[in-house]
Full PDB file with SEQRES, HELIX, SHEET, SSBOND, CRYST1, ORIGX, SCALE, CONECT and MASTER records, all heavy atoms in Angstrom:
SEQRES   1 A   35  LEU LEU LYS ASP GLU ILE SER PHE ASN SER ALA HIS GLN          
SEQRES   2 A   35  ALA LEU ALA ASP PHE GLU SER HIS PHE ALA GLY GLN PHE          
SEQRES   3 A   35  LYS LEU VAL THR GLN ASN VAL ASP ASN                          
HELIX    1 AA1 SER A   10  HIS A   21  1                                  12    
CRYST1    1.000    1.000    1.000  90.00  90.00  90.00 P 1           1          
ORIGX1      1.000000  0.000000  0.000000        0.00000                         
ORIGX2      0.000000  1.000000  0.000000        0.00000                         
ORIGX3      0.000000  0.000000  1.000000        0.00000                         
SCALE1      1.000000  0.000000  0.000000        0.00000                         
SCALE2      0.000000  1.000000  0.000000        0.00000                         
SCALE3      0.000000  0.000000  1.000000        0.00000                         
ATOM      1  N   LEU A   1      66.098 123.609  73.654  1.00  0.00           N  
ATOM      2  CA  LEU A   1      65.100 124.738  74.078  1.00  0.00           C  
ATOM      3  C   LEU A   1      65.315 125.936  73.092  1.00  0.00           C  
ATOM      4  O   LEU A   1      64.369 126.770  72.617  1.00  0.00           O  
ATOM      5  CB  LEU A   1      65.439 125.214  75.538  1.00  0.00           C  
ATOM      6  CG  LEU A   1      64.518 126.273  76.132  1.00  0.00           C  
ATOM      7  CD1 LEU A   1      63.121 125.786  76.031  1.00  0.00           C  
ATOM      8  CD2 LEU A   1      65.064 126.531  77.531  1.00  0.00           C  
ATOM      9  N   LEU A   2      66.453 126.179  72.419  1.00  0.00           N  
ATOM     10  CA  LEU A   2      66.706 127.211  71.512  1.00  0.00           C  
ATOM     11  C   LEU A   2      66.416 126.926  70.136  1.00  0.00           C  
ATOM     12  O   LEU A   2      66.579 127.784  69.254  1.00  0.00           O  
ATOM     13  CB  LEU A   2      68.167 127.507  71.592  1.00  0.00           C  
ATOM     14  CG  LEU A   2      68.825 128.071  72.985  1.00  0.00           C  
ATOM     15  CD1 LEU A   2      70.274 128.130  72.914  1.00  0.00           C  
ATOM     16  CD2 LEU A   2      67.953 129.446  73.305  1.00  0.00           C  
ATOM     17  N   LYS A   3      65.822 125.714  69.871  1.00  0.00           N  
ATOM     18  CA  LYS A   3      65.377 125.443  68.488  1.00  0.00           C  
ATOM     19  C   LYS A   3      64.162 126.397  68.023  1.00  0.00           C  
ATOM     20  O   LYS A   3      63.399 126.708  68.892  1.00  0.00           O  
ATOM     21  CB  LYS A   3      64.994 123.951  68.410  1.00  0.00           C  
ATOM     22  CG  LYS A   3      66.098 122.921  68.427  1.00  0.00           C  
ATOM     23  CD  LYS A   3      65.585 121.567  68.332  1.00  0.00           C  
ATOM     24  CE  LYS A   3      66.712 120.619  68.364  1.00  0.00           C  
ATOM     25  NZ  LYS A   3      66.186 119.156  68.363  1.00  0.00           N  
ATOM     26  N   ASP A   4      64.215 126.799  66.751  1.00  0.00           N  
ATOM     27  CA  ASP A   4      63.129 127.690  66.310  1.00  0.00           C  
ATOM     28  C   ASP A   4      61.723 127.169  66.511  1.00  0.00           C  
ATOM     29  O   ASP A   4      60.803 127.937  66.675  1.00  0.00           O  
ATOM     30  CB  ASP A   4      63.287 127.878  64.786  1.00  0.00           C  
ATOM     31  CG  ASP A   4      64.667 128.747  64.507  1.00  0.00           C  
ATOM     32  OD1 ASP A   4      65.056 129.465  65.531  1.00  0.00           O  
ATOM     33  OD2 ASP A   4      65.043 128.779  63.427  1.00  0.00           O  
ATOM     34  N   GLU A   5      61.549 125.746  66.397  1.00  0.00           N  
ATOM     35  CA  GLU A   5      60.305 125.204  66.398  1.00  0.00           C  
ATOM     36  C   GLU A   5      59.671 124.953  67.946  1.00  0.00           C  
ATOM     37  O   GLU A   5      58.623 124.734  68.077  1.00  0.00           O  
ATOM     38  CB  GLU A   5      60.191 123.747  65.853  1.00  0.00           C  
ATOM     39  CG  GLU A   5      61.183 122.742  66.564  1.00  0.00           C  
ATOM     40  CD  GLU A   5      62.574 122.655  65.835  1.00  0.00           C  
ATOM     41  OE1 GLU A   5      63.024 123.758  65.246  1.00  0.00           O  
ATOM     42  OE2 GLU A   5      63.132 121.528  65.873  1.00  0.00           O  
ATOM     43  N   ILE A   6      60.545 125.248  68.856  1.00  0.00           N  
ATOM     44  CA  ILE A   6      60.121 125.322  70.350  1.00  0.00           C  
ATOM     45  C   ILE A   6      59.588 126.654  70.670  1.00  0.00           C  
ATOM     46  O   ILE A   6      60.294 127.613  70.685  1.00  0.00           O  
ATOM     47  CB  ILE A   6      61.227 124.911  71.243  1.00  0.00           C  
ATOM     48  CG1 ILE A   6      61.797 123.441  70.916  1.00  0.00           C  
ATOM     49  CG2 ILE A   6      60.793 124.836  72.727  1.00  0.00           C  
ATOM     50  CD1 ILE A   6      60.823 122.337  70.928  1.00  0.00           C  
ATOM     51  N   SER A   7      58.356 126.760  71.060  1.00  0.00           N  
ATOM     52  CA  SER A   7      57.615 127.953  71.385  1.00  0.00           C  
ATOM     53  C   SER A   7      56.621 127.719  72.514  1.00  0.00           C  
ATOM     54  O   SER A   7      56.066 126.705  72.488  1.00  0.00           O  
ATOM     55  CB  SER A   7      57.191 128.697  70.108  1.00  0.00           C  
ATOM     56  OG  SER A   7      56.574 129.820  70.418  1.00  0.00           O  
ATOM     57  N   PHE A   8      56.322 128.719  73.139  1.00  0.00           N  
ATOM     58  CA  PHE A   8      55.093 128.666  74.061  1.00  0.00           C  
ATOM     59  C   PHE A   8      53.830 128.310  73.341  1.00  0.00           C  
ATOM     60  O   PHE A   8      53.738 128.749  72.264  1.00  0.00           O  
ATOM     61  CB  PHE A   8      55.013 129.967  74.931  1.00  0.00           C  
ATOM     62  CG  PHE A   8      54.714 131.114  74.090  1.00  0.00           C  
ATOM     63  CD1 PHE A   8      53.463 131.567  73.786  1.00  0.00           C  
ATOM     64  CD2 PHE A   8      55.828 132.028  73.700  1.00  0.00           C  
ATOM     65  CE1 PHE A   8      53.170 132.705  73.001  1.00  0.00           C  
ATOM     66  CE2 PHE A   8      55.634 133.226  73.019  1.00  0.00           C  
ATOM     67  CZ  PHE A   8      54.332 133.585  72.563  1.00  0.00           C  
ATOM     68  N   ASN A   9      52.930 127.759  74.129  1.00  0.00           N  
ATOM     69  CA  ASN A   9      51.577 127.358  73.587  1.00  0.00           C  
ATOM     70  C   ASN A   9      50.478 128.205  74.199  1.00  0.00           C  
ATOM     71  O   ASN A   9      50.796 129.109  74.952  1.00  0.00           O  
ATOM     72  CB  ASN A   9      51.361 125.921  73.594  1.00  0.00           C  
ATOM     73  CG  ASN A   9      51.411 125.359  75.083  1.00  0.00           C  
ATOM     74  OD1 ASN A   9      50.639 125.933  75.853  1.00  0.00           O  
ATOM     75  ND2 ASN A   9      52.173 124.361  75.394  1.00  0.00           N  
ATOM     76  N   SER A  10      49.323 127.949  73.844  1.00  0.00           N  
ATOM     77  CA  SER A  10      48.181 128.696  74.344  1.00  0.00           C  
ATOM     78  C   SER A  10      48.015 128.690  75.783  1.00  0.00           C  
ATOM     79  O   SER A  10      47.472 129.605  76.409  1.00  0.00           O  
ATOM     80  CB  SER A  10      46.855 128.366  73.490  1.00  0.00           C  
ATOM     81  OG  SER A  10      46.668 126.950  73.756  1.00  0.00           O  
ATOM     82  N   ALA A  11      48.398 127.564  76.443  1.00  0.00           N  
ATOM     83  CA  ALA A  11      48.349 127.458  77.971  1.00  0.00           C  
ATOM     84  C   ALA A  11      49.204 128.489  78.600  1.00  0.00           C  
ATOM     85  O   ALA A  11      48.836 129.173  79.528  1.00  0.00           O  
ATOM     86  CB  ALA A  11      48.583 125.996  78.288  1.00  0.00           C  
ATOM     87  N   HIS A  12      50.541 128.526  78.104  1.00  0.00           N  
ATOM     88  CA  HIS A  12      51.394 129.572  78.555  1.00  0.00           C  
ATOM     89  C   HIS A  12      50.904 130.953  78.354  1.00  0.00           C  
ATOM     90  O   HIS A  12      51.021 131.788  79.223  1.00  0.00           O  
ATOM     91  CB  HIS A  12      52.876 129.371  77.798  1.00  0.00           C  
ATOM     92  CG  HIS A  12      53.607 128.128  78.050  1.00  0.00           C  
ATOM     93  ND1 HIS A  12      53.534 127.153  77.048  1.00  0.00           N  
ATOM     94  CD2 HIS A  12      54.219 127.683  79.180  1.00  0.00           C  
ATOM     95  CE1 HIS A  12      54.333 126.117  77.554  1.00  0.00           C  
ATOM     96  NE2 HIS A  12      54.741 126.431  78.860  1.00  0.00           N  
ATOM     97  N   GLN A  13      50.440 131.201  77.134  1.00  0.00           N  
ATOM     98  CA  GLN A  13      49.871 132.547  76.779  1.00  0.00           C  
ATOM     99  C   GLN A  13      48.695 132.909  77.628  1.00  0.00           C  
ATOM    100  O   GLN A  13      48.584 134.115  78.129  1.00  0.00           O  
ATOM    101  CB  GLN A  13      49.423 132.496  75.417  1.00  0.00           C  
ATOM    102  CG  GLN A  13      49.053 133.907  74.812  1.00  0.00           C  
ATOM    103  CD  GLN A  13      50.280 134.913  74.726  1.00  0.00           C  
ATOM    104  OE1 GLN A  13      51.166 134.712  74.119  1.00  0.00           O  
ATOM    105  NE2 GLN A  13      50.229 135.816  75.696  1.00  0.00           N  
ATOM    106  N   ALA A  14      47.836 131.939  77.845  1.00  0.00           N  
ATOM    107  CA  ALA A  14      46.621 132.257  78.691  1.00  0.00           C  
ATOM    108  C   ALA A  14      47.117 132.614  80.174  1.00  0.00           C  
ATOM    109  O   ALA A  14      46.355 133.530  80.817  1.00  0.00           O  
ATOM    110  CB  ALA A  14      45.674 131.067  78.869  1.00  0.00           C  
ATOM    111  N   LEU A  15      48.068 131.891  80.797  1.00  0.00           N  
ATOM    112  CA  LEU A  15      48.488 132.254  82.126  1.00  0.00           C  
ATOM    113  C   LEU A  15      49.083 133.696  82.083  1.00  0.00           C  
ATOM    114  O   LEU A  15      48.891 134.426  83.002  1.00  0.00           O  
ATOM    115  CB  LEU A  15      49.504 131.227  82.590  1.00  0.00           C  
ATOM    116  CG  LEU A  15      49.014 129.929  82.848  1.00  0.00           C  
ATOM    117  CD1 LEU A  15      50.098 128.856  83.002  1.00  0.00           C  
ATOM    118  CD2 LEU A  15      48.115 129.988  84.335  1.00  0.00           C  
ATOM    119  N   ALA A  16      49.935 133.978  81.174  1.00  0.00           N  
ATOM    120  CA  ALA A  16      50.462 135.387  81.098  1.00  0.00           C  
ATOM    121  C   ALA A  16      49.464 136.357  80.896  1.00  0.00           C  
ATOM    122  O   ALA A  16      49.432 137.520  81.491  1.00  0.00           O  
ATOM    123  CB  ALA A  16      51.498 135.582  79.907  1.00  0.00           C  
ATOM    124  N   ASP A  17      48.542 136.177  79.996  1.00  0.00           N  
ATOM    125  CA  ASP A  17      47.436 137.215  79.892  1.00  0.00           C  
ATOM    126  C   ASP A  17      46.598 137.308  81.050  1.00  0.00           C  
ATOM    127  O   ASP A  17      46.182 138.515  81.397  1.00  0.00           O  
ATOM    128  CB  ASP A  17      46.514 136.752  78.611  1.00  0.00           C  
ATOM    129  CG  ASP A  17      47.153 136.776  77.346  1.00  0.00           C  
ATOM    130  OD1 ASP A  17      48.257 137.412  77.202  1.00  0.00           O  
ATOM    131  OD2 ASP A  17      46.559 136.178  76.318  1.00  0.00           O  
ATOM    132  N   PHE A  18      46.264 136.202  81.724  1.00  0.00           N  
ATOM    133  CA  PHE A  18      45.409 136.352  82.996  1.00  0.00           C  
ATOM    134  C   PHE A  18      46.241 137.217  84.102  1.00  0.00           C  
ATOM    135  O   PHE A  18      45.717 138.030  84.664  1.00  0.00           O  
ATOM    136  CB  PHE A  18      45.224 134.986  83.617  1.00  0.00           C  
ATOM    137  CG  PHE A  18      44.340 134.939  84.862  1.00  0.00           C  
ATOM    138  CD1 PHE A  18      42.842 135.080  84.703  1.00  0.00           C  
ATOM    139  CD2 PHE A  18      44.926 134.938  85.918  1.00  0.00           C  
ATOM    140  CE1 PHE A  18      42.110 135.028  85.829  1.00  0.00           C  
ATOM    141  CE2 PHE A  18      44.197 135.055  87.073  1.00  0.00           C  
ATOM    142  CZ  PHE A  18      42.730 135.074  87.096  1.00  0.00           C  
ATOM    143  N   GLU A  19      47.522 136.918  84.187  1.00  0.00           N  
ATOM    144  CA  GLU A  19      48.253 137.574  85.229  1.00  0.00           C  
ATOM    145  C   GLU A  19      48.241 139.201  84.911  1.00  0.00           C  
ATOM    146  O   GLU A  19      48.204 139.960  85.772  1.00  0.00           O  
ATOM    147  CB  GLU A  19      49.686 137.183  85.212  1.00  0.00           C  
ATOM    148  CG  GLU A  19      50.594 137.787  86.051  1.00  0.00           C  
ATOM    149  CD  GLU A  19      52.143 137.558  85.803  1.00  0.00           C  
ATOM    150  OE1 GLU A  19      52.413 136.539  85.279  1.00  0.00           O  
ATOM    151  OE2 GLU A  19      53.043 138.289  86.352  1.00  0.00           O  
ATOM    152  N   SER A  20      48.461 139.546  83.544  1.00  0.00           N  
ATOM    153  CA  SER A  20      48.495 140.966  83.173  1.00  0.00           C  
ATOM    154  C   SER A  20      47.201 141.710  83.558  1.00  0.00           C  
ATOM    155  O   SER A  20      47.329 142.905  83.615  1.00  0.00           O  
ATOM    156  CB  SER A  20      48.853 141.075  81.771  1.00  0.00           C  
ATOM    157  OG  SER A  20      47.798 140.617  80.959  1.00  0.00           O  
ATOM    158  N   HIS A  21      46.129 141.011  83.759  1.00  0.00           N  
ATOM    159  CA  HIS A  21      44.904 141.638  83.886  1.00  0.00           C  
ATOM    160  C   HIS A  21      44.230 141.495  85.346  1.00  0.00           C  
ATOM    161  O   HIS A  21      43.365 142.010  85.759  1.00  0.00           O  
ATOM    162  CB  HIS A  21      43.757 141.294  82.926  1.00  0.00           C  
ATOM    163  CG  HIS A  21      44.064 141.578  81.520  1.00  0.00           C  
ATOM    164  ND1 HIS A  21      44.701 140.837  80.576  1.00  0.00           N  
ATOM    165  CD2 HIS A  21      43.930 142.772  80.887  1.00  0.00           C  
ATOM    166  CE1 HIS A  21      44.858 141.506  79.371  1.00  0.00           C  
ATOM    167  NE2 HIS A  21      44.399 142.766  79.528  1.00  0.00           N  
ATOM    168  N   PHE A  22      44.899 140.481  86.080  1.00  0.00           N  
ATOM    169  CA  PHE A  22      44.348 140.089  87.282  1.00  0.00           C  
ATOM    170  C   PHE A  22      44.641 141.146  88.419  1.00  0.00           C  
ATOM    171  O   PHE A  22      45.795 141.650  88.550  1.00  0.00           O  
ATOM    172  CB  PHE A  22      44.848 138.697  87.775  1.00  0.00           C  
ATOM    173  CG  PHE A  22      44.285 138.300  89.162  1.00  0.00           C  
ATOM    174  CD1 PHE A  22      42.986 138.160  89.273  1.00  0.00           C  
ATOM    175  CD2 PHE A  22      45.162 137.993  90.195  1.00  0.00           C  
ATOM    176  CE1 PHE A  22      42.513 137.605  90.418  1.00  0.00           C  
ATOM    177  CE2 PHE A  22      44.681 137.493  91.289  1.00  0.00           C  
ATOM    178  CZ  PHE A  22      43.265 137.265  91.447  1.00  0.00           C  
ATOM    179  N   ALA A  23      43.641 141.550  89.023  1.00  0.00           N  
ATOM    180  CA  ALA A  23      43.832 142.791  90.044  1.00  0.00           C  
ATOM    181  C   ALA A  23      44.241 142.318  91.467  1.00  0.00           C  
ATOM    182  O   ALA A  23      44.712 143.095  92.266  1.00  0.00           O  
ATOM    183  CB  ALA A  23      42.445 143.442  90.250  1.00  0.00           C  
ATOM    184  N   GLY A  24      44.129 140.939  91.683  1.00  0.00           N  
ATOM    185  CA  GLY A  24      44.648 140.422  93.064  1.00  0.00           C  
ATOM    186  C   GLY A  24      46.041 139.994  92.966  1.00  0.00           C  
ATOM    187  O   GLY A  24      46.914 140.384  92.111  1.00  0.00           O  
ATOM    188  N   GLN A  25      46.542 139.242  93.971  1.00  0.00           N  
ATOM    189  CA  GLN A  25      47.841 138.675  94.032  1.00  0.00           C  
ATOM    190  C   GLN A  25      47.944 137.386  93.340  1.00  0.00           C  
ATOM    191  O   GLN A  25      47.123 136.515  93.368  1.00  0.00           O  
ATOM    192  CB  GLN A  25      48.270 138.427  95.541  1.00  0.00           C  
ATOM    193  CG  GLN A  25      49.645 137.849  95.761  1.00  0.00           C  
ATOM    194  CD  GLN A  25      50.026 137.814  97.190  1.00  0.00           C  
ATOM    195  OE1 GLN A  25      49.904 138.877  97.784  1.00  0.00           O  
ATOM    196  NE2 GLN A  25      50.681 136.776  97.452  1.00  0.00           N  
ATOM    197  N   PHE A  26      48.900 137.221  92.536  1.00  0.00           N  
ATOM    198  CA  PHE A  26      49.126 136.146  91.657  1.00  0.00           C  
ATOM    199  C   PHE A  26      50.548 135.707  91.623  1.00  0.00           C  
ATOM    200  O   PHE A  26      51.502 136.501  91.501  1.00  0.00           O  
ATOM    201  CB  PHE A  26      48.749 136.591  90.125  1.00  0.00           C  
ATOM    202  CG  PHE A  26      48.958 135.443  89.134  1.00  0.00           C  
ATOM    203  CD1 PHE A  26      47.870 134.647  88.745  1.00  0.00           C  
ATOM    204  CD2 PHE A  26      50.061 135.332  88.514  1.00  0.00           C  
ATOM    205  CE1 PHE A  26      48.085 133.704  87.888  1.00  0.00           C  
ATOM    206  CE2 PHE A  26      50.327 134.208  87.508  1.00  0.00           C  
ATOM    207  CZ  PHE A  26      49.328 133.501  87.208  1.00  0.00           C  
ATOM    208  N   LYS A  27      50.740 134.355  91.725  1.00  0.00           N  
ATOM    209  CA  LYS A  27      52.122 133.832  91.721  1.00  0.00           C  
ATOM    210  C   LYS A  27      52.177 132.581  90.885  1.00  0.00           C  
ATOM    211  O   LYS A  27      51.191 131.697  91.141  1.00  0.00           O  
ATOM    212  CB  LYS A  27      52.746 133.728  93.098  1.00  0.00           C  
ATOM    213  CG  LYS A  27      54.127 133.169  93.026  1.00  0.00           C  
ATOM    214  CD  LYS A  27      55.118 134.293  92.353  1.00  0.00           C  
ATOM    215  CE  LYS A  27      55.299 135.473  93.327  1.00  0.00           C  
ATOM    216  NZ  LYS A  27      56.419 136.284  92.844  1.00  0.00           N  
ATOM    217  N   LEU A  28      52.896 132.441  89.927  1.00  0.00           N  
ATOM    218  CA  LEU A  28      53.046 131.240  89.032  1.00  0.00           C  
ATOM    219  C   LEU A  28      54.387 130.512  89.549  1.00  0.00           C  
ATOM    220  O   LEU A  28      55.555 131.033  89.481  1.00  0.00           O  
ATOM    221  CB  LEU A  28      53.188 131.619  87.690  1.00  0.00           C  
ATOM    222  CG  LEU A  28      53.534 130.513  86.616  1.00  0.00           C  
ATOM    223  CD1 LEU A  28      52.233 129.472  86.697  1.00  0.00           C  
ATOM    224  CD2 LEU A  28      53.461 130.946  85.238  1.00  0.00           C  
ATOM    225  N   VAL A  29      54.271 129.311  90.028  1.00  0.00           N  
ATOM    226  CA  VAL A  29      55.404 128.458  90.480  1.00  0.00           C  
ATOM    227  C   VAL A  29      55.475 127.343  89.439  1.00  0.00           C  
ATOM    228  O   VAL A  29      54.602 126.616  89.095  1.00  0.00           O  
ATOM    229  CB  VAL A  29      55.119 127.943  91.861  1.00  0.00           C  
ATOM    230  CG1 VAL A  29      56.382 127.046  92.249  1.00  0.00           C  
ATOM    231  CG2 VAL A  29      54.824 129.018  92.918  1.00  0.00           C  
ATOM    232  N   THR A  30      56.654 127.218  88.869  1.00  0.00           N  
ATOM    233  CA  THR A  30      56.796 126.165  87.845  1.00  0.00           C  
ATOM    234  C   THR A  30      58.043 125.190  88.272  1.00  0.00           C  
ATOM    235  O   THR A  30      59.077 125.702  88.848  1.00  0.00           O  
ATOM    236  CB  THR A  30      57.159 126.693  86.495  1.00  0.00           C  
ATOM    237  OG1 THR A  30      57.161 125.757  85.659  1.00  0.00           O  
ATOM    238  CG2 THR A  30      58.428 127.394  86.349  1.00  0.00           C  
ATOM    239  N   GLN A  31      57.848 123.936  88.053  1.00  0.00           N  
ATOM    240  CA  GLN A  31      58.727 122.843  88.278  1.00  0.00           C  
ATOM    241  C   GLN A  31      59.581 122.841  86.935  1.00  0.00           C  
ATOM    242  O   GLN A  31      60.610 122.277  86.867  1.00  0.00           O  
ATOM    243  CB  GLN A  31      58.109 121.552  88.422  1.00  0.00           C  
ATOM    244  CG  GLN A  31      57.316 121.468  89.692  1.00  0.00           C  
ATOM    245  CD  GLN A  31      56.561 120.213  89.739  1.00  0.00           C  
ATOM    246  OE1 GLN A  31      55.487 119.943  89.308  1.00  0.00           O  
ATOM    247  NE2 GLN A  31      57.113 119.268  90.490  1.00  0.00           N  
ATOM    248  N   ASN A  32      59.119 123.545  85.853  1.00  0.00           N  
ATOM    249  CA  ASN A  32      59.907 123.450  84.569  1.00  0.00           C  
ATOM    250  C   ASN A  32      61.146 124.318  84.586  1.00  0.00           C  
ATOM    251  O   ASN A  32      61.241 125.367  85.187  1.00  0.00           O  
ATOM    252  CB  ASN A  32      58.998 123.878  83.576  1.00  0.00           C  
ATOM    253  CG  ASN A  32      57.722 123.032  83.357  1.00  0.00           C  
ATOM    254  OD1 ASN A  32      57.696 121.841  83.792  1.00  0.00           O  
ATOM    255  ND2 ASN A  32      56.688 123.475  82.845  1.00  0.00           N  
ATOM    256  N   VAL A  33      62.207 123.784  83.893  1.00  0.00           N  
ATOM    257  CA  VAL A  33      63.451 124.573  83.786  1.00  0.00           C  
ATOM    258  C   VAL A  33      63.498 125.268  82.404  1.00  0.00           C  
ATOM    259  O   VAL A  33      64.539 125.846  82.163  1.00  0.00           O  
ATOM    260  CB  VAL A  33      64.529 123.696  84.018  1.00  0.00           C  
ATOM    261  CG1 VAL A  33      64.622 123.142  85.333  1.00  0.00           C  
ATOM    262  CG2 VAL A  33      64.773 122.476  82.992  1.00  0.00           C  
ATOM    263  N   ASP A  34      62.499 125.167  81.620  1.00  0.00           N  
ATOM    264  CA  ASP A  34      62.402 126.007  80.424  1.00  0.00           C  
ATOM    265  C   ASP A  34      62.087 127.404  80.417  1.00  0.00           C  
ATOM    266  O   ASP A  34      61.807 127.780  81.639  1.00  0.00           O  
ATOM    267  CB  ASP A  34      61.593 125.329  79.183  1.00  0.00           C  
ATOM    268  CG  ASP A  34      60.122 125.203  79.779  1.00  0.00           C  
ATOM    269  OD1 ASP A  34      59.564 126.183  79.973  1.00  0.00           O  
ATOM    270  OD2 ASP A  34      59.604 124.109  79.932  1.00  0.00           O  
ATOM    271  N   ASN A  35      62.055 128.251  79.499  1.00  0.00           N  
ATOM    272  CA  ASN A  35      61.774 129.629  79.597  1.00  0.00           C  
ATOM    273  C   ASN A  35      60.482 129.997  78.992  1.00  0.00           C  
ATOM    274  O   ASN A  35      60.313 131.059  78.478  1.00  0.00           O  
ATOM    275  CB  ASN A  35      62.952 130.516  78.904  1.00  0.00           C  
ATOM    276  CG  ASN A  35      62.876 130.212  77.329  1.00  0.00           C  
ATOM    277  OD1 ASN A  35      62.443 129.161  76.902  1.00  0.00           O  
ATOM    278  ND2 ASN A  35      63.633 131.161  76.601  1.00  0.00           N  
TER     279      ASN A  35                                                      
MASTER        0    0    0    1    0    0    0    6  278    1    0    3          
END                                                                             
């Protein structure tokens, strides 16, 4: 997970961007253990 080539992709980014602008209640639940 700490390798330089491992990075978030556009799906991760889209979720973060949507959350930051969404006016309602938003919760992201993940089964993933990465960061």
